[in-house]
Amino acid sequence: MTEEECNDRALRCAANAALAQSEPVSLEFLRLAAQWRAMAARVIRLEIGGGPIDRAGSAVALPLA
């Protein structure tokens, strides 16, 4: 999923929390919204062709050990 899709789901969960008639249900939607926001903020790194590539496709420099 893309960052935008994760943020969209977070917004829908927050909206559902506001509409929930039960506090436990509302809190669960808020918890899910926080998880979707956290996923949207993460940078996914993949090993491609022997070097790490960030989600935008640019090479990522590794620290020398």
N, C-alpha and C. Protein backbone atom coordinates (compact mmCIF):
# COMPACT_ATOMS: atom_id res chain seq x y z
N MET A 1 0.84 -1.18 0.00
CA MET A 1 0.00 0.00 0.00
C MET A 1 0.88 1.24 0.00
N THR A 2 0.36 2.29 -0.57
CA THR A 2 1.11 3.53 -0.62
C THR A 2 0.86 4.35 0.65
N GLU A 3 1.68 5.35 0.84
CA GLU A 3 1.52 6.27 1.97
C GLU A 3 0.12 6.92 1.93
N GLU A 4 -0.30 7.32 0.75
CA GLU A 4 -1.60 7.96 0.59
C GLU A 4 -2.74 7.02 0.98
N GLU A 5 -2.65 5.76 0.56
CA GLU A 5 -3.69 4.79 0.90
C GLU A 5 -3.76 4.55 2.41
N CYS A 6 -2.60 4.48 3.05
CA CYS A 6 -2.57 4.30 4.51
C CYS A 6 -3.20 5.51 5.21
N ASN A 7 -2.88 6.71 4.73
CA ASN A 7 -3.47 7.91 5.33
C ASN A 7 -4.98 7.96 5.11
N ASP A 8 -5.45 7.53 3.96
CA ASP A 8 -6.89 7.47 3.69
C ASP A 8 -7.58 6.52 4.67
N ARG A 9 -6.98 5.37 4.90
CA ARG A 9 -7.57 4.42 5.86
C ARG A 9 -7.56 4.99 7.27
N ALA A 10 -6.51 5.71 7.62
CA ALA A 10 -6.46 6.33 8.94
C ALA A 10 -7.59 7.34 9.10
N LEU A 11 -7.84 8.12 8.06
CA LEU A 11 -8.94 9.09 8.12
C LEU A 11 -10.30 8.40 8.26
N ARG A 12 -10.48 7.30 7.54
CA ARG A 12 -11.76 6.57 7.64
C ARG A 12 -11.94 5.97 9.03
N CYS A 13 -10.86 5.46 9.61
CA CYS A 13 -10.96 4.90 10.97
C CYS A 13 -11.29 6.00 11.97
N ALA A 14 -10.68 7.17 11.83
CA ALA A 14 -10.97 8.28 12.73
C ALA A 14 -12.42 8.74 12.59
N ALA A 15 -12.92 8.76 11.37
CA ALA A 15 -14.32 9.14 11.14
C ALA A 15 -15.25 8.11 11.77
N ASN A 16 -14.92 6.83 11.63
CA ASN A 16 -15.73 5.79 12.24
C ASN A 16 -15.70 5.88 13.77
N ALA A 17 -14.57 6.27 14.32
CA ALA A 17 -14.47 6.44 15.78
C ALA A 17 -15.43 7.53 16.26
N ALA A 18 -15.52 8.60 15.48
CA ALA A 18 -16.42 9.70 15.85
C ALA A 18 -17.88 9.28 15.77
N LEU A 19 -18.19 8.34 14.88
CA LEU A 19 -19.58 7.90 14.69
C LEU A 19 -19.98 6.75 15.62
N ALA A 20 -19.01 6.08 16.20
CA ALA A 20 -19.30 4.91 17.03
C ALA A 20 -20.14 5.29 18.24
N GLN A 21 -21.10 4.45 18.55
CA GLN A 21 -21.99 4.72 19.68
C GLN A 21 -21.51 4.05 20.96
N SER A 22 -20.44 3.29 20.85
CA SER A 22 -19.89 2.59 22.00
C SER A 22 -18.44 3.03 22.19
N GLU A 23 -18.06 3.32 23.43
CA GLU A 23 -16.70 3.78 23.69
C GLU A 23 -15.64 2.74 23.32
N PRO A 24 -15.84 1.44 23.64
CA PRO A 24 -14.82 0.46 23.23
C PRO A 24 -14.65 0.39 21.71
N VAL A 25 -15.72 0.52 20.97
CA VAL A 25 -15.64 0.50 19.50
C VAL A 25 -14.91 1.75 19.02
N SER A 26 -15.23 2.89 19.60
CA SER A 26 -14.58 4.14 19.24
C SER A 26 -13.07 4.06 19.50
N LEU A 27 -12.70 3.53 20.65
CA LEU A 27 -11.28 3.41 20.99
C LEU A 27 -10.55 2.46 20.04
N GLU A 28 -11.23 1.40 19.63
CA GLU A 28 -10.62 0.46 18.68
C GLU A 28 -10.38 1.15 17.33
N PHE A 29 -11.34 1.92 16.86
CA PHE A 29 -11.13 2.66 15.61
C PHE A 29 -10.00 3.67 15.75
N LEU A 30 -9.88 4.32 16.89
CA LEU A 30 -8.78 5.26 17.11
C LEU A 30 -7.43 4.54 17.12
N ARG A 31 -7.40 3.34 17.71
CA ARG A 31 -6.17 2.55 17.72
C ARG A 31 -5.78 2.17 16.29
N LEU A 32 -6.77 1.75 15.51
CA LEU A 32 -6.50 1.40 14.11
C LEU A 32 -6.02 2.61 13.31
N ALA A 33 -6.63 3.75 13.55
CA ALA A 33 -6.21 4.97 12.85
C ALA A 33 -4.75 5.29 13.15
N ALA A 34 -4.35 5.13 14.42
CA ALA A 34 -2.96 5.38 14.80
C ALA A 34 -2.02 4.41 14.09
N GLN A 35 -2.43 3.15 13.98
CA GLN A 35 -1.59 2.17 13.28
C GLN A 35 -1.45 2.52 11.80
N TRP A 36 -2.54 2.93 11.17
CA TRP A 36 -2.46 3.30 9.74
C TRP A 36 -1.56 4.52 9.55
N ARG A 37 -1.65 5.50 10.48
CA ARG A 37 -0.77 6.68 10.37
C ARG A 37 0.69 6.27 10.53
N ALA A 38 0.96 5.36 11.46
CA ALA A 38 2.34 4.89 11.66
C ALA A 38 2.86 4.18 10.42
N MET A 39 2.02 3.36 9.80
CA MET A 39 2.44 2.67 8.59
C MET A 39 2.70 3.65 7.45
N ALA A 40 1.91 4.70 7.38
CA ALA A 40 2.10 5.70 6.32
C ALA A 40 3.43 6.42 6.49
N ALA A 41 3.88 6.55 7.72
CA ALA A 41 5.11 7.30 7.99
C ALA A 41 6.37 6.47 7.79
N ARG A 42 6.24 5.15 7.73
CA ARG A 42 7.42 4.30 7.61
C ARG A 42 8.00 4.36 6.20
N VAL A 43 9.31 4.29 6.13
CA VAL A 43 10.01 4.18 4.85
C VAL A 43 10.35 2.72 4.65
N ILE A 44 9.86 2.17 3.57
CA ILE A 44 10.12 0.76 3.29
C ILE A 44 11.40 0.65 2.48
N ARG A 45 12.31 -0.15 2.97
CA ARG A 45 13.57 -0.34 2.27
C ARG A 45 13.66 -1.77 1.75
N LEU A 46 14.10 -1.92 0.53
CA LEU A 46 14.22 -3.22 -0.10
C LEU A 46 15.65 -3.44 -0.55
N GLU A 47 16.07 -4.67 -0.52
CA GLU A 47 17.36 -5.02 -1.10
C GLU A 47 17.12 -5.38 -2.56
N ILE A 48 17.59 -4.54 -3.47
CA ILE A 48 17.43 -4.77 -4.90
C ILE A 48 18.79 -4.59 -5.56
N GLY A 49 19.22 -5.63 -6.27
CA GLY A 49 20.49 -5.52 -6.99
C GLY A 49 21.69 -5.32 -6.10
N GLY A 50 21.65 -5.85 -4.89
CA GLY A 50 22.80 -5.76 -4.00
C GLY A 50 22.88 -4.49 -3.19
N GLY A 51 21.99 -3.55 -3.40
CA GLY A 51 22.02 -2.32 -2.63
C GLY A 51 20.64 -1.91 -2.18
N PRO A 52 20.54 -1.25 -1.04
CA PRO A 52 19.22 -0.84 -0.55
C PRO A 52 18.63 0.28 -1.40
N ILE A 53 17.34 0.22 -1.60
CA ILE A 53 16.61 1.22 -2.37
C ILE A 53 15.44 1.68 -1.51
N ASP A 54 15.26 2.98 -1.37
CA ASP A 54 14.11 3.44 -0.59
C ASP A 54 12.87 3.40 -1.46
N ARG A 55 11.70 3.67 -0.86
CA ARG A 55 10.46 3.50 -1.61
C ARG A 55 10.33 4.46 -2.77
N ALA A 56 11.10 5.55 -2.77
CA ALA A 56 11.06 6.48 -3.89
C ALA A 56 11.94 6.01 -5.04
N GLY A 57 12.76 4.98 -4.78
CA GLY A 57 13.58 4.44 -5.84
C GLY A 57 15.00 4.97 -5.87
N SER A 58 15.38 5.80 -4.91
CA SER A 58 16.74 6.32 -4.92
C SER A 58 17.63 5.48 -3.99
N ALA A 59 18.88 5.40 -4.33
CA ALA A 59 19.81 4.61 -3.54
C ALA A 59 19.97 5.21 -2.15
N VAL A 60 20.16 4.34 -1.17
CA VAL A 60 20.33 4.77 0.22
C VAL A 60 21.77 4.47 0.62
N ALA A 61 22.47 5.46 1.16
CA ALA A 61 23.84 5.27 1.59
C ALA A 61 23.86 4.50 2.89
N LEU A 62 24.77 3.53 2.98
CA LEU A 62 24.94 2.74 4.20
C LEU A 62 26.16 3.23 4.95
N PRO A 63 26.10 3.25 6.28
CA PRO A 63 27.29 3.66 7.03
C PRO A 63 28.37 2.60 6.90
N LEU A 64 29.63 3.03 6.86
CA LEU A 64 30.75 2.10 6.79
C LEU A 64 30.99 1.54 8.17
N ALA A 65 31.13 0.22 8.24
CA ALA A 65 31.31 -0.43 9.56
C ALA A 65 32.74 -0.62 9.91
